[in-house]
Amino acid sequence: MVFARSNGSGGGAIAEEDRHWPRRIRRDVQAALSCWRWPYVTADAALLASELVTNALEHGCGDVGVRLYFTADSVRIEVRDGSYKAPEPRTADPWDEDGRGLRIVEELATDWGVSRDGTTTWCSLDWHPLIPTP
């Protein structure tokens, strides 16, 4: 999925008209993973995707692209934000309202990183079923 950000998003802010995107991406990821019958990673993958989209809206430029890649044992989430500046995790103070997104990604994802050109942040989750899938 690719969507255009409004002019007010970027530079550390998300415009009111773009605030629905992280929620929509969360729902789309949940729907995709339920179709693939991956219930054990659905909630984490949806959260990770929405955190990466939020970061892309706040700090990127241009269109935002979201991709999911499925393998036999993992799902990879990629979010392109158009910025050549690679994101870096911050340490948020307890009273800060934001600044935890990439720390959440670090904690939940099996692996994560940034493309060489800095425009795409990705993360992956391994699929470890508790019971065999049909």
N, C-alpha and C. Protein backbone atom coordinates (compact mmCIF):
# COMPACT_ATOMS: atom_id res chain seq x y z
N MET A 1 0.84 -1.16 0.00
CA MET A 1 0.00 0.00 0.00
C MET A 1 0.89 1.23 0.00
N VAL A 2 0.52 2.20 -0.78
CA VAL A 2 1.22 3.48 -0.81
C VAL A 2 0.17 4.57 -0.64
N PHE A 3 0.48 5.56 0.21
CA PHE A 3 -0.43 6.68 0.37
C PHE A 3 0.36 7.98 0.46
N ALA A 4 -0.26 9.06 0.06
CA ALA A 4 0.36 10.37 0.10
C ALA A 4 0.08 11.03 1.44
N ARG A 5 1.12 11.54 2.03
CA ARG A 5 0.95 12.29 3.27
C ARG A 5 0.45 13.69 2.93
N SER A 6 -0.20 14.33 3.88
CA SER A 6 -0.61 15.71 3.68
C SER A 6 0.60 16.62 3.91
N ASN A 7 0.48 17.86 3.51
CA ASN A 7 1.59 18.81 3.65
C ASN A 7 1.95 19.08 5.10
N GLY A 8 1.04 18.86 6.03
CA GLY A 8 1.30 19.18 7.43
C GLY A 8 2.06 18.11 8.19
N SER A 9 2.29 16.95 7.59
CA SER A 9 3.01 15.88 8.29
C SER A 9 4.49 15.93 7.95
N GLY A 10 5.32 15.65 8.94
CA GLY A 10 6.76 15.69 8.79
C GLY A 10 7.33 16.68 9.78
N GLY A 11 8.62 16.68 9.90
CA GLY A 11 9.27 17.59 10.83
C GLY A 11 8.88 17.35 12.28
N GLY A 12 8.53 16.11 12.61
CA GLY A 12 8.17 15.76 13.98
C GLY A 12 6.70 15.86 14.30
N ALA A 13 5.86 16.15 13.31
CA ALA A 13 4.42 16.30 13.55
C ALA A 13 3.62 15.47 12.55
N ILE A 14 2.41 15.11 12.95
CA ILE A 14 1.47 14.44 12.05
C ILE A 14 0.25 15.34 11.92
N ALA A 15 -0.10 15.67 10.69
CA ALA A 15 -1.27 16.50 10.43
C ALA A 15 -2.55 15.76 10.81
N GLU A 16 -3.53 16.48 11.20
CA GLU A 16 -4.81 15.89 11.62
C GLU A 16 -5.36 14.95 10.54
N GLU A 17 -5.26 15.34 9.29
CA GLU A 17 -5.81 14.51 8.21
C GLU A 17 -5.03 13.22 7.96
N ASP A 18 -3.85 13.09 8.57
CA ASP A 18 -3.06 11.86 8.44
C ASP A 18 -3.11 10.97 9.68
N ARG A 19 -3.78 11.40 10.72
CA ARG A 19 -3.80 10.65 11.98
C ARG A 19 -4.50 9.30 11.87
N HIS A 20 -5.32 9.11 10.85
CA HIS A 20 -6.02 7.83 10.68
C HIS A 20 -5.13 6.73 10.09
N TRP A 21 -4.00 7.12 9.46
CA TRP A 21 -3.19 6.12 8.75
C TRP A 21 -2.61 5.03 9.64
N PRO A 22 -2.01 5.33 10.77
CA PRO A 22 -1.49 4.24 11.60
C PRO A 22 -2.58 3.24 12.01
N ARG A 23 -3.75 3.72 12.35
CA ARG A 23 -4.88 2.85 12.73
C ARG A 23 -5.32 2.00 11.53
N ARG A 24 -5.39 2.62 10.36
CA ARG A 24 -5.80 1.88 9.16
C ARG A 24 -4.78 0.79 8.82
N ILE A 25 -3.50 1.12 8.91
CA ILE A 25 -2.46 0.14 8.62
C ILE A 25 -2.53 -1.00 9.62
N ARG A 26 -2.78 -0.68 10.88
CA ARG A 26 -2.92 -1.72 11.91
C ARG A 26 -4.04 -2.69 11.53
N ARG A 27 -5.18 -2.16 11.12
CA ARG A 27 -6.31 -3.02 10.72
C ARG A 27 -5.97 -3.84 9.48
N ASP A 28 -5.30 -3.22 8.50
CA ASP A 28 -4.95 -3.94 7.27
C ASP A 28 -3.98 -5.09 7.56
N VAL A 29 -3.02 -4.86 8.44
CA VAL A 29 -2.06 -5.92 8.80
C VAL A 29 -2.79 -7.04 9.54
N GLN A 30 -3.67 -6.69 10.45
CA GLN A 30 -4.46 -7.70 11.16
C GLN A 30 -5.26 -8.54 10.17
N ALA A 31 -5.88 -7.90 9.19
CA ALA A 31 -6.67 -8.62 8.19
C ALA A 31 -5.79 -9.54 7.35
N ALA A 32 -4.64 -9.05 6.93
CA ALA A 32 -3.74 -9.87 6.11
C ALA A 32 -3.25 -11.09 6.88
N LEU A 33 -2.87 -10.88 8.12
CA LEU A 33 -2.35 -12.01 8.90
C LEU A 33 -3.44 -12.99 9.28
N SER A 34 -4.65 -12.53 9.45
CA SER A 34 -5.73 -13.47 9.75
C SER A 34 -6.02 -14.32 8.52
N CYS A 35 -5.88 -13.75 7.33
CA CYS A 35 -6.05 -14.55 6.10
C CYS A 35 -4.97 -15.62 5.98
N TRP A 36 -3.78 -15.32 6.46
CA TRP A 36 -2.67 -16.26 6.40
C TRP A 36 -2.65 -17.19 7.61
N ARG A 37 -3.60 -17.01 8.50
CA ARG A 37 -3.73 -17.84 9.70
C ARG A 37 -2.48 -17.81 10.57
N TRP A 38 -2.04 -16.61 10.88
CA TRP A 38 -0.89 -16.39 11.75
C TRP A 38 -1.33 -15.67 13.01
N PRO A 39 -2.18 -16.27 13.81
CA PRO A 39 -2.72 -15.56 14.97
C PRO A 39 -1.69 -15.22 16.04
N TYR A 40 -0.59 -15.93 16.08
CA TYR A 40 0.38 -15.73 17.15
C TYR A 40 1.26 -14.50 16.96
N VAL A 41 1.28 -13.95 15.78
CA VAL A 41 2.06 -12.73 15.53
C VAL A 41 1.20 -11.55 15.12
N THR A 42 -0.10 -11.76 14.98
CA THR A 42 -0.98 -10.71 14.45
C THR A 42 -0.93 -9.43 15.26
N ALA A 43 -1.11 -9.50 16.55
CA ALA A 43 -1.15 -8.29 17.38
C ALA A 43 0.19 -7.56 17.35
N ASP A 44 1.29 -8.31 17.48
CA ASP A 44 2.61 -7.68 17.45
C ASP A 44 2.90 -7.05 16.09
N ALA A 45 2.59 -7.76 15.01
CA ALA A 45 2.84 -7.23 13.67
C ALA A 45 2.02 -5.98 13.41
N ALA A 46 0.78 -5.96 13.85
CA ALA A 46 -0.06 -4.77 13.66
C ALA A 46 0.51 -3.59 14.44
N LEU A 47 0.95 -3.82 15.66
CA LEU A 47 1.55 -2.75 16.45
C LEU A 47 2.84 -2.24 15.80
N LEU A 48 3.69 -3.15 15.36
CA LEU A 48 4.95 -2.75 14.74
C LEU A 48 4.70 -1.93 13.47
N ALA A 49 3.77 -2.38 12.65
CA ALA A 49 3.46 -1.64 11.42
C ALA A 49 2.96 -0.24 11.74
N SER A 50 2.08 -0.12 12.72
CA SER A 50 1.56 1.21 13.05
C SER A 50 2.64 2.11 13.64
N GLU A 51 3.58 1.55 14.39
CA GLU A 51 4.68 2.36 14.93
C GLU A 51 5.59 2.84 13.80
N LEU A 52 5.89 1.97 12.84
CA LEU A 52 6.74 2.39 11.72
C LEU A 52 6.05 3.43 10.85
N VAL A 53 4.75 3.28 10.64
CA VAL A 53 4.00 4.27 9.85
C VAL A 53 3.95 5.60 10.59
N THR A 54 3.75 5.57 11.89
CA THR A 54 3.76 6.80 12.67
C THR A 54 5.09 7.52 12.52
N ASN A 55 6.20 6.78 12.64
CA ASN A 55 7.52 7.38 12.46
C ASN A 55 7.69 7.95 11.06
N ALA A 56 7.20 7.22 10.06
CA ALA A 56 7.31 7.70 8.68
C ALA A 56 6.55 9.01 8.49
N LEU A 57 5.36 9.10 9.06
CA LEU A 57 4.58 10.33 8.94
C LEU A 57 5.25 11.49 9.67
N GLU A 58 5.77 11.23 10.85
CA GLU A 58 6.38 12.30 11.65
C GLU A 58 7.71 12.79 11.08
N HIS A 59 8.52 11.87 10.56
CA HIS A 59 9.89 12.22 10.24
C HIS A 59 10.27 12.07 8.77
N GLY A 60 9.41 11.52 7.95
CA GLY A 60 9.73 11.30 6.56
C GLY A 60 9.27 12.44 5.67
N CYS A 61 9.32 12.20 4.37
CA CYS A 61 8.84 13.17 3.40
C CYS A 61 8.31 12.39 2.19
N GLY A 62 7.35 12.94 1.51
CA GLY A 62 6.79 12.29 0.34
C GLY A 62 5.82 11.18 0.72
N ASP A 63 5.51 10.33 -0.26
CA ASP A 63 4.58 9.23 -0.05
C ASP A 63 5.12 8.23 0.96
N VAL A 64 4.20 7.51 1.60
CA VAL A 64 4.55 6.45 2.54
C VAL A 64 4.13 5.12 1.92
N GLY A 65 5.04 4.17 1.89
CA GLY A 65 4.75 2.85 1.35
C GLY A 65 4.87 1.79 2.41
N VAL A 66 3.93 0.85 2.44
CA VAL A 66 3.94 -0.24 3.42
C VAL A 66 3.85 -1.55 2.66
N ARG A 67 4.75 -2.48 3.00
CA ARG A 67 4.74 -3.81 2.37
C ARG A 67 4.86 -4.87 3.45
N LEU A 68 4.18 -5.98 3.22
CA LEU A 68 4.32 -7.18 4.04
C LEU A 68 4.87 -8.28 3.16
N TYR A 69 5.87 -8.99 3.66
CA TYR A 69 6.43 -10.15 2.97
C TYR A 69 6.27 -11.35 3.88
N PHE A 70 5.74 -12.43 3.33
CA PHE A 70 5.53 -13.65 4.10
C PHE A 70 6.48 -14.73 3.61
N THR A 71 7.10 -15.43 4.54
CA THR A 71 7.87 -16.61 4.22
C THR A 71 7.28 -17.76 5.02
N ALA A 72 7.87 -18.91 4.91
CA ALA A 72 7.37 -20.06 5.66
C ALA A 72 7.47 -19.87 7.16
N ASP A 73 8.41 -19.03 7.61
CA ASP A 73 8.61 -18.91 9.05
C ASP A 73 8.69 -17.48 9.58
N SER A 74 8.38 -16.48 8.75
CA SER A 74 8.41 -15.10 9.24
C SER A 74 7.55 -14.17 8.40
N VAL A 75 7.28 -13.03 8.98
CA VAL A 75 6.64 -11.94 8.25
C VAL A 75 7.56 -10.74 8.36
N ARG A 76 7.76 -10.05 7.27
CA ARG A 76 8.61 -8.86 7.25
C ARG A 76 7.74 -7.67 6.89
N ILE A 77 7.88 -6.59 7.65
CA ILE A 77 7.13 -5.37 7.45
C ILE A 77 8.12 -4.29 7.01
N GLU A 78 7.85 -3.65 5.88
CA GLU A 78 8.70 -2.58 5.39
C GLU A 78 7.88 -1.31 5.26
N VAL A 79 8.42 -0.20 5.73
CA VAL A 79 7.76 1.09 5.60
C VAL A 79 8.76 2.07 4.99
N ARG A 80 8.41 2.58 3.81
CA ARG A 80 9.25 3.55 3.09
C ARG A 80 8.71 4.94 3.40
N ASP A 81 9.61 5.85 3.78
CA ASP A 81 9.15 7.19 4.15
C ASP A 81 9.73 8.31 3.30
N GLY A 82 10.61 7.99 2.36
CA GLY A 82 11.14 8.99 1.45
C GLY A 82 12.27 9.83 2.00
N SER A 83 12.62 9.66 3.26
CA SER A 83 13.70 10.43 3.87
C SER A 83 14.99 9.62 3.81
N TYR A 84 16.07 10.28 3.46
CA TYR A 84 17.35 9.60 3.42
C TYR A 84 18.05 9.57 4.77
N LYS A 85 17.45 10.19 5.76
CA LYS A 85 18.01 10.18 7.11
C LYS A 85 17.49 8.94 7.84
N ALA A 86 18.39 8.05 8.22
CA ALA A 86 18.00 6.81 8.89
C ALA A 86 17.49 7.11 10.30
N PRO A 87 16.39 6.46 10.69
CA PRO A 87 15.87 6.69 12.04
C PRO A 87 16.76 6.03 13.09
N GLU A 88 16.76 6.62 14.26
CA GLU A 88 17.53 6.07 15.38
C GLU A 88 16.63 6.02 16.61
N PRO A 89 16.69 4.93 17.37
CA PRO A 89 15.89 4.85 18.60
C PRO A 89 16.28 5.95 19.58
N ARG A 90 15.28 6.50 20.25
CA ARG A 90 15.52 7.51 21.28
C ARG A 90 15.18 6.92 22.64
N THR A 91 15.64 7.58 23.65
CA THR A 91 15.26 7.21 25.01
C THR A 91 14.29 8.28 25.51
N ALA A 92 13.05 7.89 25.70
CA ALA A 92 12.02 8.82 26.15
C ALA A 92 11.98 8.86 27.67
N ASP A 93 11.78 10.04 28.19
CA ASP A 93 11.56 10.18 29.63
C ASP A 93 10.16 9.69 29.96
N PRO A 94 9.92 9.29 31.20
CA PRO A 94 8.60 8.76 31.57
C PRO A 94 7.43 9.70 31.25
N TRP A 95 7.66 10.99 31.28
CA TRP A 95 6.57 11.94 31.05
C TRP A 95 6.43 12.34 29.58
N ASP A 96 7.33 11.87 28.70
CA ASP A 96 7.23 12.17 27.28
C ASP A 96 6.04 11.46 26.65
N GLU A 97 5.39 12.13 25.73
CA GLU A 97 4.23 11.55 25.06
C GLU A 97 4.62 10.71 23.85
N ASP A 98 5.81 10.86 23.35
CA ASP A 98 6.25 10.08 22.20
C ASP A 98 7.73 9.75 22.35
N GLY A 99 8.31 9.14 21.32
CA GLY A 99 9.72 8.80 21.37
C GLY A 99 10.02 7.36 21.71
N ARG A 100 8.99 6.52 21.73
CA ARG A 100 9.19 5.11 22.10
C ARG A 100 9.02 4.13 20.94
N GLY A 101 8.65 4.62 19.77
CA GLY A 101 8.31 3.76 18.65
C GLY A 101 9.37 2.76 18.27
N LEU A 102 10.58 3.24 18.03
CA LEU A 102 11.64 2.31 17.64
C LEU A 102 12.09 1.42 18.79
N ARG A 103 11.94 1.87 20.02
CA ARG A 103 12.23 0.99 21.16
C ARG A 103 11.22 -0.16 21.22
N ILE A 104 9.98 0.13 20.90
CA ILE A 104 8.96 -0.92 20.82
C ILE A 104 9.33 -1.91 19.72
N VAL A 105 9.76 -1.38 18.58
CA VAL A 105 10.18 -2.24 17.46
C VAL A 105 11.35 -3.12 17.91
N GLU A 106 12.34 -2.54 18.57
CA GLU A 106 13.49 -3.32 19.06
C GLU A 106 13.06 -4.46 19.98
N GLU A 107 12.10 -4.19 20.84
CA GLU A 107 11.67 -5.19 21.82
C GLU A 107 10.83 -6.31 21.21
N LEU A 108 9.92 -5.97 20.31
CA LEU A 108 8.97 -6.96 19.80
C LEU A 108 9.47 -7.72 18.57
N ALA A 109 10.21 -7.05 17.71
CA ALA A 109 10.61 -7.67 16.44
C ALA A 109 11.74 -8.67 16.65
N THR A 110 11.78 -9.69 15.83
CA THR A 110 12.89 -10.63 15.82
C THR A 110 14.14 -9.93 15.33
N ASP A 111 13.96 -9.04 14.36
CA ASP A 111 15.06 -8.29 13.78
C ASP A 111 14.48 -7.02 13.17
N TRP A 112 15.28 -5.99 13.02
CA TRP A 112 14.85 -4.77 12.36
C TRP A 112 16.06 -4.04 11.82
N GLY A 113 15.82 -3.12 10.90
CA GLY A 113 16.92 -2.35 10.33
C GLY A 113 16.40 -1.28 9.40
N VAL A 114 17.36 -0.68 8.70
CA VAL A 114 17.08 0.42 7.79
C VAL A 114 17.80 0.12 6.48
N SER A 115 17.16 0.43 5.36
CA SER A 115 17.79 0.22 4.06
C SER A 115 19.05 1.07 3.95
N ARG A 116 19.95 0.71 3.04
CA ARG A 116 21.21 1.42 2.88
C ARG A 116 21.00 2.90 2.58
N ASP A 117 19.95 3.22 1.83
CA ASP A 117 19.72 4.63 1.49
C ASP A 117 18.92 5.36 2.56
N GLY A 118 18.50 4.66 3.62
CA GLY A 118 17.79 5.29 4.73
C GLY A 118 16.31 5.51 4.53
N THR A 119 15.78 5.18 3.36
CA THR A 119 14.38 5.50 3.06
C THR A 119 13.38 4.48 3.57
N THR A 120 13.84 3.29 3.93
CA THR A 120 12.94 2.21 4.34
C THR A 120 13.38 1.63 5.67
N THR A 121 12.44 1.56 6.61
CA THR A 121 12.68 0.89 7.88
C THR A 121 11.90 -0.41 7.84
N TRP A 122 12.50 -1.49 8.28
CA TRP A 122 11.85 -2.79 8.22
C TRP A 122 12.00 -3.50 9.56
N CYS A 123 11.13 -4.46 9.77
CA CYS A 123 11.26 -5.36 10.91
C CYS A 123 10.66 -6.70 10.52
N SER A 124 11.03 -7.73 11.26
CA SER A 124 10.48 -9.06 10.98
C SER A 124 10.08 -9.73 12.29
N LEU A 125 9.14 -10.62 12.16
CA LEU A 125 8.68 -11.45 13.28
C LEU A 125 8.72 -12.89 12.83
N ASP A 126 9.34 -13.73 13.63
CA ASP A 126 9.34 -15.16 13.32
C ASP A 126 8.00 -15.77 13.70
N TRP A 127 7.64 -16.74 12.95
CA TRP A 127 6.40 -17.46 13.15
C TRP A 127 6.71 -18.75 13.88
N HIS A 128 6.28 -18.83 15.13
CA HIS A 128 6.49 -20.02 15.95
C HIS A 128 5.13 -20.52 16.42
N PRO A 129 4.47 -21.34 15.62
CA PRO A 129 3.13 -21.78 16.04
C PRO A 129 3.19 -22.71 17.26
N LEU A 130 2.20 -22.55 18.10
CA LEU A 130 2.07 -23.45 19.25
C LEU A 130 1.42 -24.76 18.83
N ILE A 131 0.61 -24.67 17.79
CA ILE A 131 -0.03 -25.86 17.24
C ILE A 131 0.16 -25.83 15.72
N PRO A 132 0.19 -26.97 15.08
CA PRO A 132 0.34 -26.98 13.62
C PRO A 132 -0.85 -26.33 12.93
N THR A 133 -0.58 -25.63 11.84
CA THR A 133 -1.66 -25.03 11.06
C THR A 133 -2.21 -26.08 10.11
N PRO A 134 -3.50 -25.98 9.79
CA PRO A 134 -4.09 -26.97 8.89
C PRO A 134 -3.57 -26.87 7.49
